[in-house]
Each structure stands twice: as C-alpha cells, then as structure tokens.
Amino acid sequence: MYKRLALPFLLLALAVILGAFGAHVIEDKLSPKYFDTYKTANFYHYIHSIGWALSAFLLIQMKSTKL
C-alpha cells in the first residue's frame, strides 16, 4: 500500500541532492542567469514532488476509509 509513496519520496530526495549539488558545486561555474534558472527548476521539482507525495498519501487514506 505504501509503495505509492516510494517514488514521490525518491523524487524529494533527488530534489534535495540536486539543490545541494547546485549550492556547493556548480554555483561558481554558472553565470548568475543560468544559476537562477537552475534554482527555479530545482524549486519546481521540489514543489511537484511534494504534490505527488500529498496526492499519494491522500489516495492511500481514501482507499483505507470505507464509505
């Protein structure tokens, strides 16, 4: 039942890893314009992963509730 939560949480972990990678590795290598684009893309990745996790959690809750 909780397999539905595996992918969203893996995507959240990936968002954290990519954020740390951007902050510590490639910040100095990219121009400010491209780094801002990277930060925005990482933020969108993070927000969408949270949405997937909430959707999966609500689906599990709805399936476990009997009407």
Protein backbone atom coordinates (compact mmCIF):
# COMPACT_ATOMS: atom_id res chain seq x y z
CA MET A 1 0.00 0.00 0.00
CA TYR A 2 2.80 2.40 0.82
CA LYS A 3 4.61 1.62 -2.43
CA ARG A 4 2.79 4.65 -3.85
CA LEU A 5 4.87 6.86 -1.57
CA ALA A 6 8.22 5.47 -2.71
CA LEU A 7 8.53 7.41 -5.97
CA PRO A 8 7.49 10.81 -4.54
CA PHE A 9 9.93 10.46 -1.66
CA LEU A 10 12.72 9.39 -4.01
CA LEU A 11 11.97 12.50 -6.08
CA LEU A 12 12.08 14.63 -2.93
CA ALA A 13 15.45 13.14 -2.02
CA LEU A 14 16.66 13.86 -5.55
CA ALA A 15 15.49 17.48 -5.22
CA VAL A 16 17.49 17.87 -2.02
CA ILE A 17 20.56 16.28 -3.61
CA LEU A 18 20.29 18.49 -6.70
CA GLY A 19 19.85 21.57 -4.51
CA ALA A 20 22.96 20.73 -2.52
CA PHE A 21 24.84 19.99 -5.72
CA GLY A 22 23.84 23.36 -7.13
CA ALA A 23 24.72 25.24 -3.98
CA HIS A 24 28.09 23.63 -3.40
CA VAL A 25 29.42 22.51 -6.77
CA ILE A 26 28.08 24.40 -9.74
CA GLU A 27 27.25 27.81 -8.25
CA ASP A 28 30.66 29.19 -9.18
CA LYS A 29 30.69 27.52 -12.57
CA LEU A 30 27.44 29.01 -13.92
CA SER A 31 26.61 32.57 -14.79
CA PRO A 32 24.09 34.21 -12.43
CA LYS A 33 21.38 33.96 -15.10
CA TYR A 34 21.84 30.22 -15.54
CA PHE A 35 22.18 29.62 -11.83
CA ASP A 36 18.88 31.41 -11.22
CA THR A 37 17.32 29.16 -13.86
CA TYR A 38 18.79 26.13 -12.09
CA LYS A 39 17.41 27.29 -8.74
CA THR A 40 13.96 27.84 -10.23
CA ALA A 41 13.95 24.42 -11.87
CA ASN A 42 15.04 22.80 -8.61
CA PHE A 43 12.30 24.66 -6.72
CA TYR A 44 9.66 23.47 -9.20
CA HIS A 45 11.00 19.92 -8.90
CA TYR A 46 10.71 20.15 -5.11
CA ILE A 47 7.16 21.56 -5.16
CA HIS A 48 5.93 18.97 -7.66
CA SER A 49 7.48 16.17 -5.62
CA ILE A 50 5.62 17.42 -2.54
CA GLY A 51 2.41 17.47 -4.59
CA TRP A 52 2.99 13.88 -5.68
CA ALA A 53 3.65 12.81 -2.09
CA LEU A 54 0.48 14.50 -0.84
CA SER A 55 -1.56 13.00 -3.67
CA ALA A 56 -0.24 9.52 -2.94
CA PHE A 57 -0.87 9.95 0.78
CA LEU A 58 -4.44 11.14 0.20
CA LEU A 59 -5.08 8.25 -2.19
CA ILE A 60 -3.90 5.80 0.47
CA GLN A 61 -6.12 7.48 3.06
CA MET A 62 -9.14 7.42 0.76
CA LYS A 63 -8.66 3.74 -0.07
CA SER A 64 -8.33 2.81 3.60
CA THR A 65 -11.52 4.67 4.52
CA LYS A 66 -14.64 2.66 3.88
CA LEU A 67 -17.72 4.58 2.89
